[in-house]
């Protein structure tokens, strides 16, 4: 992921510090499911160490890995948008240490401080746009007759 989508690059220091005040340290062993597609999105994480695979349920098959996230990256953005339901699943693919955030608390902080809320929304938008672009490039590489090429 590009540096502009990490929390340290995306949020000004004051907003970052405010967000970190509600963080708690968590860890997950390999194979832990952080969330499941279709369930309530009530928290999110920033990875400190390790990796997390985002996956999509495929009936009758193993989940299809969409992207693997690592240090400094945001895991989960569905908490920010109604109806607050996960669009994908996520699993630790190595031991993970992360900062965990309560979605309701962060949404309340966003509502109380519009400047903070806008900064969070822009950050989530940057992450979402980057991941959509990355997915598009992977799909072109897999299915387009000449790959993604240099045009994009």
N, C-alpha and C. Protein backbone atom coordinates (compact mmCIF):
# COMPACT_ATOMS: atom_id res chain seq x y z
N UNK A 1 0.85 -1.17 0.00
CA UNK A 1 0.00 0.00 0.00
C UNK A 1 0.89 1.23 0.00
N UNK A 2 0.48 2.27 -0.67
CA UNK A 2 1.28 3.48 -0.74
C UNK A 2 1.29 4.16 0.62
N UNK A 3 2.34 4.92 0.87
CA UNK A 3 2.49 5.57 2.16
C UNK A 3 1.37 6.56 2.46
N UNK A 4 0.73 7.11 1.43
CA UNK A 4 -0.33 8.10 1.68
C UNK A 4 -1.57 7.48 2.32
N UNK A 5 -1.67 6.16 2.35
CA UNK A 5 -2.85 5.53 2.94
C UNK A 5 -2.58 5.01 4.35
N UNK A 6 -1.35 5.06 4.81
CA UNK A 6 -1.08 4.67 6.19
C UNK A 6 -1.52 5.79 7.12
N UNK A 7 -1.87 5.43 8.34
CA UNK A 7 -2.39 6.42 9.28
C UNK A 7 -1.37 7.53 9.55
N UNK A 8 -0.09 7.20 9.59
CA UNK A 8 0.92 8.21 9.88
C UNK A 8 1.04 9.23 8.76
N UNK A 9 0.83 8.82 7.53
CA UNK A 9 0.90 9.75 6.41
C UNK A 9 -0.43 10.45 6.15
N UNK A 10 -1.54 9.78 6.44
CA UNK A 10 -2.85 10.29 6.08
C UNK A 10 -3.43 11.28 7.08
N UNK A 11 -3.10 11.13 8.35
CA UNK A 11 -3.70 11.98 9.37
C UNK A 11 -2.66 12.94 9.95
N UNK A 12 -3.05 14.21 10.14
CA UNK A 12 -2.15 15.14 10.84
C UNK A 12 -1.87 14.63 12.25
N UNK A 13 -0.74 15.02 12.81
CA UNK A 13 -0.31 14.52 14.11
C UNK A 13 -1.38 14.65 15.19
N UNK A 14 -2.04 15.77 15.26
CA UNK A 14 -3.06 15.98 16.30
C UNK A 14 -4.22 14.99 16.18
N UNK A 15 -4.67 14.76 14.98
CA UNK A 15 -5.76 13.81 14.76
C UNK A 15 -5.30 12.38 15.04
N UNK A 16 -4.09 12.09 14.62
CA UNK A 16 -3.52 10.76 14.86
C UNK A 16 -3.42 10.48 16.36
N UNK A 17 -2.93 11.47 17.11
CA UNK A 17 -2.82 11.32 18.57
C UNK A 17 -4.20 11.13 19.19
N UNK A 18 -5.16 11.88 18.74
CA UNK A 18 -6.52 11.75 19.26
C UNK A 18 -7.06 10.34 18.99
N UNK A 19 -6.86 9.85 17.79
CA UNK A 19 -7.31 8.50 17.44
C UNK A 19 -6.61 7.45 18.31
N UNK A 20 -5.32 7.62 18.51
CA UNK A 20 -4.56 6.63 19.28
C UNK A 20 -4.96 6.59 20.75
N UNK A 21 -5.60 7.63 21.25
CA UNK A 21 -6.07 7.63 22.64
C UNK A 21 -7.13 6.56 22.89
N UNK A 22 -7.84 6.15 21.84
CA UNK A 22 -8.88 5.13 22.01
C UNK A 22 -8.43 3.76 21.51
N UNK A 23 -7.14 3.64 21.15
CA UNK A 23 -6.60 2.37 20.66
C UNK A 23 -6.27 1.44 21.83
N UNK A 24 -6.36 0.15 21.55
CA UNK A 24 -5.87 -0.83 22.51
C UNK A 24 -5.03 -1.84 21.75
N UNK A 25 -3.98 -2.32 22.40
CA UNK A 25 -3.10 -3.30 21.77
C UNK A 25 -3.74 -4.67 21.81
N UNK A 26 -3.69 -5.36 20.66
CA UNK A 26 -4.20 -6.73 20.57
C UNK A 26 -3.20 -7.57 19.79
N UNK A 27 -3.33 -8.87 19.91
CA UNK A 27 -2.52 -9.78 19.10
C UNK A 27 -3.39 -10.96 18.68
N UNK A 28 -3.04 -11.52 17.52
CA UNK A 28 -3.77 -12.64 16.95
C UNK A 28 -2.79 -13.69 16.47
N UNK A 29 -3.01 -14.95 16.83
CA UNK A 29 -2.15 -16.00 16.27
C UNK A 29 -2.54 -16.29 14.81
N UNK A 30 -1.67 -16.97 14.10
CA UNK A 30 -1.93 -17.38 12.72
C UNK A 30 -3.27 -18.11 12.66
N UNK A 31 -4.05 -17.80 11.64
CA UNK A 31 -5.33 -18.47 11.43
C UNK A 31 -6.52 -17.85 12.12
N UNK A 32 -6.31 -16.83 12.95
CA UNK A 32 -7.43 -16.17 13.63
C UNK A 32 -8.24 -15.37 12.62
N UNK A 33 -9.56 -15.55 12.65
CA UNK A 33 -10.46 -14.78 11.81
C UNK A 33 -10.78 -13.47 12.54
N UNK A 34 -10.41 -12.35 11.97
CA UNK A 34 -10.70 -11.06 12.59
C UNK A 34 -12.16 -10.69 12.39
N UNK A 35 -12.68 -11.00 11.22
CA UNK A 35 -14.09 -10.76 10.95
C UNK A 35 -14.54 -11.60 9.78
N UNK A 36 -15.86 -11.72 9.66
CA UNK A 36 -16.49 -12.52 8.60
C UNK A 36 -17.41 -11.64 7.77
N UNK A 37 -17.41 -11.90 6.49
CA UNK A 37 -18.29 -11.22 5.54
C UNK A 37 -19.74 -11.31 6.01
N UNK A 38 -20.44 -10.16 5.99
CA UNK A 38 -21.85 -10.12 6.35
C UNK A 38 -22.14 -9.90 7.82
N UNK A 39 -21.12 -9.94 8.66
CA UNK A 39 -21.32 -9.70 10.09
C UNK A 39 -21.13 -8.22 10.42
N UNK A 40 -21.55 -7.86 11.62
CA UNK A 40 -21.50 -6.48 12.10
C UNK A 40 -20.05 -5.97 12.18
N UNK A 41 -19.81 -4.81 11.59
CA UNK A 41 -18.49 -4.18 11.61
C UNK A 41 -18.44 -3.21 12.78
N UNK A 42 -17.88 -3.66 13.89
CA UNK A 42 -17.90 -2.87 15.12
C UNK A 42 -16.52 -2.44 15.60
N UNK A 43 -15.49 -2.72 14.80
CA UNK A 43 -14.12 -2.32 15.16
C UNK A 43 -13.26 -2.32 13.92
N UNK A 44 -12.05 -1.81 14.06
CA UNK A 44 -11.06 -1.85 12.98
C UNK A 44 -9.68 -1.89 13.61
N UNK A 45 -8.64 -2.14 12.79
CA UNK A 45 -7.30 -2.34 13.28
C UNK A 45 -6.29 -1.62 12.40
N UNK A 46 -5.17 -1.27 13.00
CA UNK A 46 -3.98 -0.85 12.27
C UNK A 46 -2.91 -1.86 12.64
N UNK A 47 -2.35 -2.50 11.63
CA UNK A 47 -1.36 -3.56 11.86
C UNK A 47 -0.04 -2.95 12.32
N UNK A 48 0.49 -3.49 13.40
CA UNK A 48 1.82 -3.10 13.88
C UNK A 48 2.86 -4.06 13.34
N UNK A 49 2.61 -5.38 13.46
CA UNK A 49 3.49 -6.41 12.90
C UNK A 49 2.63 -7.55 12.39
N UNK A 50 3.14 -8.27 11.41
CA UNK A 50 2.43 -9.42 10.87
C UNK A 50 1.66 -9.08 9.62
N UNK A 51 0.80 -10.02 9.21
CA UNK A 51 0.02 -9.82 7.99
C UNK A 51 -1.38 -10.40 8.13
N UNK A 52 -2.31 -9.76 7.42
CA UNK A 52 -3.72 -10.14 7.44
C UNK A 52 -4.18 -10.25 6.00
N UNK A 53 -4.84 -11.37 5.67
CA UNK A 53 -5.40 -11.56 4.33
C UNK A 53 -6.86 -11.16 4.34
N UNK A 54 -7.25 -10.34 3.38
CA UNK A 54 -8.66 -10.02 3.15
C UNK A 54 -9.18 -11.05 2.16
N UNK A 55 -10.32 -11.66 2.47
CA UNK A 55 -10.82 -12.71 1.59
C UNK A 55 -12.31 -12.60 1.35
N UNK A 56 -12.75 -13.30 0.33
CA UNK A 56 -14.14 -13.28 -0.11
C UNK A 56 -14.67 -14.70 -0.08
N UNK A 57 -15.84 -14.88 0.52
CA UNK A 57 -16.46 -16.20 0.59
C UNK A 57 -16.82 -16.70 -0.80
N UNK A 58 -16.43 -17.93 -1.12
CA UNK A 58 -16.77 -18.57 -2.39
C UNK A 58 -17.46 -19.88 -2.02
N UNK A 59 -18.77 -20.01 -2.29
CA UNK A 59 -19.49 -21.23 -1.90
C UNK A 59 -18.81 -22.50 -2.43
N UNK A 60 -18.64 -23.46 -1.54
CA UNK A 60 -18.05 -24.74 -1.92
C UNK A 60 -16.55 -24.74 -2.08
N UNK A 61 -15.91 -23.62 -1.81
CA UNK A 61 -14.45 -23.52 -1.97
C UNK A 61 -13.86 -22.75 -0.80
N UNK A 62 -12.56 -22.74 -0.74
CA UNK A 62 -11.88 -21.93 0.26
C UNK A 62 -12.09 -20.46 -0.06
N UNK A 63 -12.05 -19.58 0.94
CA UNK A 63 -12.19 -18.14 0.65
C UNK A 63 -11.08 -17.69 -0.31
N UNK A 64 -11.44 -16.82 -1.24
CA UNK A 64 -10.48 -16.27 -2.20
C UNK A 64 -9.79 -15.06 -1.58
N UNK A 65 -8.47 -15.09 -1.50
CA UNK A 65 -7.71 -13.97 -0.94
C UNK A 65 -7.71 -12.83 -1.96
N UNK A 66 -8.15 -11.67 -1.49
CA UNK A 66 -8.24 -10.47 -2.33
C UNK A 66 -6.98 -9.63 -2.21
N UNK A 67 -6.49 -9.51 -0.97
CA UNK A 67 -5.31 -8.69 -0.72
C UNK A 67 -4.72 -9.08 0.62
N UNK A 68 -3.41 -8.92 0.74
CA UNK A 68 -2.74 -9.16 2.02
C UNK A 68 -2.18 -7.83 2.51
N UNK A 69 -2.47 -7.53 3.78
CA UNK A 69 -2.08 -6.25 4.40
C UNK A 69 -0.97 -6.46 5.41
N UNK A 70 -0.15 -5.44 5.61
CA UNK A 70 0.96 -5.54 6.55
C UNK A 70 1.12 -4.27 7.38
N UNK A 71 2.33 -4.07 7.87
CA UNK A 71 2.66 -3.00 8.81
C UNK A 71 2.08 -1.65 8.41
N UNK A 72 1.40 -1.02 9.37
CA UNK A 72 0.88 0.33 9.20
C UNK A 72 -0.42 0.43 8.43
N UNK A 73 -0.93 -0.72 7.96
CA UNK A 73 -2.12 -0.67 7.12
C UNK A 73 -3.41 -0.85 7.93
N UNK A 74 -4.46 -0.25 7.40
CA UNK A 74 -5.79 -0.32 7.99
C UNK A 74 -6.46 -1.64 7.62
N UNK A 75 -6.99 -2.32 8.63
CA UNK A 75 -7.78 -3.53 8.39
C UNK A 75 -9.22 -3.17 8.75
N UNK A 76 -10.05 -3.10 7.73
CA UNK A 76 -11.47 -2.82 7.93
C UNK A 76 -11.84 -1.38 7.72
N UNK A 77 -12.75 -1.14 6.78
CA UNK A 77 -13.32 0.20 6.61
C UNK A 77 -14.84 0.16 6.60
N UNK A 78 -15.44 -1.01 6.64
CA UNK A 78 -16.91 -1.12 6.62
C UNK A 78 -17.55 -0.50 7.86
N UNK A 79 -16.82 -0.40 8.95
CA UNK A 79 -17.32 0.21 10.19
C UNK A 79 -17.71 1.67 9.97
N UNK A 80 -17.13 2.30 8.95
CA UNK A 80 -17.33 3.72 8.72
C UNK A 80 -18.60 4.04 7.92
N UNK A 81 -19.12 3.06 7.21
CA UNK A 81 -20.25 3.28 6.31
C UNK A 81 -21.45 2.43 6.71
N UNK A 82 -22.63 3.07 6.84
CA UNK A 82 -23.83 2.27 7.10
C UNK A 82 -24.03 1.27 5.97
N UNK A 83 -24.47 0.09 6.24
CA UNK A 83 -25.08 -0.39 7.48
C UNK A 83 -24.07 -1.00 8.46
N UNK A 84 -22.75 -0.70 8.32
CA UNK A 84 -21.71 -1.19 9.23
C UNK A 84 -21.66 -2.72 9.25
N UNK A 85 -21.54 -3.29 8.05
CA UNK A 85 -21.46 -4.74 7.87
C UNK A 85 -20.21 -5.03 7.03
N UNK A 86 -19.43 -6.03 7.44
CA UNK A 86 -18.21 -6.38 6.71
C UNK A 86 -18.54 -6.85 5.31
N UNK A 87 -17.81 -6.34 4.34
CA UNK A 87 -17.97 -6.73 2.93
C UNK A 87 -17.06 -7.89 2.56
N UNK A 88 -16.06 -8.16 3.36
CA UNK A 88 -15.10 -9.24 3.15
C UNK A 88 -14.85 -9.94 4.47
N UNK A 89 -14.00 -10.94 4.46
CA UNK A 89 -13.51 -11.56 5.68
C UNK A 89 -12.04 -11.21 5.84
N UNK A 90 -11.48 -11.50 7.02
CA UNK A 90 -10.07 -11.23 7.25
C UNK A 90 -9.49 -12.28 8.18
N UNK A 91 -8.27 -12.72 7.87
CA UNK A 91 -7.60 -13.75 8.65
C UNK A 91 -6.13 -13.42 8.82
N UNK A 92 -5.61 -13.65 10.03
CA UNK A 92 -4.19 -13.46 10.29
C UNK A 92 -3.41 -14.56 9.57
N UNK A 93 -2.48 -14.17 8.71
CA UNK A 93 -1.66 -15.14 7.98
C UNK A 93 -0.28 -15.32 8.60
N UNK A 94 -0.02 -14.56 9.62
CA UNK A 94 1.18 -14.69 10.45
C UNK A 94 0.77 -14.15 11.82
N UNK A 95 1.59 -14.32 12.84
CA UNK A 95 1.23 -13.70 14.12
C UNK A 95 1.10 -12.18 13.92
N UNK A 96 0.03 -11.61 14.45
CA UNK A 96 -0.26 -10.19 14.24
C UNK A 96 -0.32 -9.47 15.57
N UNK A 97 0.31 -8.31 15.60
CA UNK A 97 0.12 -7.34 16.68
C UNK A 97 -0.48 -6.12 16.02
N UNK A 98 -1.51 -5.57 16.66
CA UNK A 98 -2.22 -4.45 16.04
C UNK A 98 -2.79 -3.52 17.09
N UNK A 99 -3.15 -2.34 16.63
CA UNK A 99 -3.95 -1.42 17.42
C UNK A 99 -5.39 -1.67 17.03
N UNK A 100 -6.27 -1.86 18.01
CA UNK A 100 -7.68 -2.08 17.76
C UNK A 100 -8.47 -0.86 18.20
N UNK A 101 -9.49 -0.51 17.42
CA UNK A 101 -10.31 0.67 17.69
C UNK A 101 -11.77 0.27 17.72
N UNK A 102 -12.50 0.79 18.69
CA UNK A 102 -13.94 0.59 18.78
C UNK A 102 -14.60 1.54 17.78
N UNK A 103 -15.33 0.97 16.83
CA UNK A 103 -15.92 1.78 15.75
C UNK A 103 -16.91 2.81 16.27
N UNK A 104 -17.74 2.42 17.21
CA UNK A 104 -18.74 3.35 17.74
C UNK A 104 -18.08 4.56 18.39
N UNK A 105 -17.01 4.32 19.14
CA UNK A 105 -16.29 5.42 19.79
C UNK A 105 -15.68 6.35 18.76
N UNK A 106 -15.08 5.79 17.71
CA UNK A 106 -14.46 6.64 16.68
C UNK A 106 -15.52 7.38 15.88
N UNK A 107 -16.64 6.74 15.58
CA UNK A 107 -17.72 7.45 14.89
C UNK A 107 -18.24 8.61 15.74
N UNK A 108 -18.34 8.41 17.05
CA UNK A 108 -18.78 9.48 17.95
C UNK A 108 -17.77 10.64 17.95
N UNK A 109 -16.48 10.31 17.95
CA UNK A 109 -15.44 11.34 17.88
C UNK A 109 -15.56 12.13 16.58
N UNK A 110 -15.86 11.44 15.48
CA UNK A 110 -16.03 12.09 14.18
C UNK A 110 -17.23 13.03 14.20
N UNK A 111 -18.31 12.60 14.83
CA UNK A 111 -19.52 13.43 14.90
C UNK A 111 -19.30 14.66 15.77
N UNK A 112 -18.51 14.51 16.84
CA UNK A 112 -18.26 15.61 17.78
C UNK A 112 -17.29 16.66 17.22
N UNK A 113 -16.41 16.26 16.33
CA UNK A 113 -15.40 17.16 15.79
C UNK A 113 -15.36 17.00 14.27
N UNK A 114 -16.07 17.87 13.55
CA UNK A 114 -16.15 17.74 12.09
C UNK A 114 -14.79 17.72 11.38
N UNK A 115 -13.83 18.47 11.89
CA UNK A 115 -12.50 18.47 11.27
C UNK A 115 -11.84 17.09 11.41
N UNK A 116 -11.94 16.52 12.60
CA UNK A 116 -11.42 15.17 12.83
C UNK A 116 -12.18 14.17 11.95
N UNK A 117 -13.50 14.30 11.92
CA UNK A 117 -14.33 13.41 11.11
C UNK A 117 -13.99 13.47 9.64
N UNK A 118 -13.73 14.67 9.15
CA UNK A 118 -13.35 14.82 7.74
C UNK A 118 -12.01 14.15 7.48
N UNK A 119 -11.06 14.33 8.38
CA UNK A 119 -9.74 13.70 8.21
C UNK A 119 -9.86 12.17 8.18
N UNK A 120 -10.68 11.62 9.06
CA UNK A 120 -10.89 10.17 9.08
C UNK A 120 -11.55 9.73 7.78
N UNK A 121 -12.58 10.46 7.33
CA UNK A 121 -13.29 10.11 6.10
C UNK A 121 -12.36 10.15 4.88
N UNK A 122 -11.50 11.16 4.81
CA UNK A 122 -10.55 11.26 3.70
C UNK A 122 -9.58 10.10 3.74
N UNK A 123 -9.08 9.75 4.92
CA UNK A 123 -8.18 8.61 5.07
C UNK A 123 -8.85 7.33 4.59
N UNK A 124 -10.07 7.06 5.06
CA UNK A 124 -10.79 5.85 4.67
C UNK A 124 -11.02 5.87 3.15
N UNK A 125 -11.36 7.03 2.61
CA UNK A 125 -11.55 7.14 1.16
C UNK A 125 -10.27 6.84 0.39
N UNK A 126 -9.13 7.32 0.88
CA UNK A 126 -7.85 7.03 0.22
C UNK A 126 -7.55 5.54 0.24
N UNK A 127 -7.78 4.90 1.38
CA UNK A 127 -7.55 3.46 1.50
C UNK A 127 -8.45 2.71 0.52
N UNK A 128 -9.73 3.06 0.51
CA UNK A 128 -10.69 2.39 -0.36
C UNK A 128 -10.32 2.57 -1.83
N UNK A 129 -10.00 3.79 -2.22
CA UNK A 129 -9.62 4.06 -3.62
C UNK A 129 -8.37 3.28 -4.01
N UNK A 130 -7.38 3.25 -3.13
CA UNK A 130 -6.15 2.52 -3.42
C UNK A 130 -6.43 1.03 -3.59
N UNK A 131 -7.25 0.47 -2.72
CA UNK A 131 -7.54 -0.97 -2.81
C UNK A 131 -8.36 -1.30 -4.04
N UNK A 132 -9.28 -0.43 -4.42
CA UNK A 132 -10.05 -0.66 -5.65
C UNK A 132 -9.13 -0.62 -6.86
N UNK A 133 -8.22 0.33 -6.89
CA UNK A 133 -7.27 0.43 -8.00
C UNK A 133 -6.38 -0.81 -8.06
N UNK A 134 -5.88 -1.24 -6.91
CA UNK A 134 -5.02 -2.44 -6.87
C UNK A 134 -5.78 -3.67 -7.36
N UNK A 135 -7.03 -3.79 -6.96
CA UNK A 135 -7.85 -4.92 -7.39
C UNK A 135 -8.07 -4.87 -8.89
N UNK A 136 -8.32 -3.69 -9.40
CA UNK A 136 -8.52 -3.54 -10.85
C UNK A 136 -7.28 -3.99 -11.61
N UNK A 137 -6.11 -3.59 -11.14
CA UNK A 137 -4.87 -3.98 -11.82
C UNK A 137 -4.67 -5.50 -11.77
N UNK A 138 -4.96 -6.11 -10.62
CA UNK A 138 -4.83 -7.57 -10.51
C UNK A 138 -5.79 -8.27 -11.46
N UNK A 139 -7.03 -7.77 -11.55
CA UNK A 139 -8.01 -8.38 -12.46
C UNK A 139 -7.58 -8.23 -13.91
N UNK A 140 -7.04 -7.07 -14.28
CA UNK A 140 -6.54 -6.90 -15.64
C UNK A 140 -5.39 -7.85 -15.93
N UNK A 141 -4.48 -7.99 -14.96
CA UNK A 141 -3.36 -8.92 -15.15
C UNK A 141 -3.84 -10.35 -15.33
N UNK A 142 -4.89 -10.72 -14.61
CA UNK A 142 -5.40 -12.09 -14.69
C UNK A 142 -6.25 -12.35 -15.93
N UNK A 143 -7.10 -11.38 -16.30
CA UNK A 143 -8.13 -11.66 -17.29
C UNK A 143 -8.06 -10.87 -18.59
N UNK A 144 -7.37 -9.77 -18.61
CA UNK A 144 -7.30 -8.98 -19.85
C UNK A 144 -6.35 -9.66 -20.83
N UNK A 145 -6.60 -9.54 -22.14
CA UNK A 145 -5.76 -10.23 -23.12
C UNK A 145 -4.29 -9.84 -23.06
N UNK A 146 -3.99 -8.58 -22.70
CA UNK A 146 -2.60 -8.13 -22.68
C UNK A 146 -2.16 -7.65 -21.31
N UNK A 147 -2.83 -8.06 -20.25
CA UNK A 147 -2.47 -7.64 -18.90
C UNK A 147 -2.81 -6.18 -18.67
N UNK A 148 -2.32 -5.64 -17.58
CA UNK A 148 -2.66 -4.26 -17.25
C UNK A 148 -1.88 -3.26 -18.09
N UNK A 149 -0.75 -3.68 -18.65
CA UNK A 149 0.03 -2.79 -19.49
C UNK A 149 0.53 -1.59 -18.72
N UNK A 150 1.12 -0.66 -19.39
CA UNK A 150 1.66 0.54 -18.74
C UNK A 150 0.72 1.73 -18.86
N UNK A 151 -0.40 1.53 -19.53
CA UNK A 151 -1.35 2.61 -19.75
C UNK A 151 -2.04 3.07 -18.48
N UNK A 152 -2.16 2.23 -17.49
CA UNK A 152 -2.93 2.55 -16.29
C UNK A 152 -2.04 2.96 -15.19
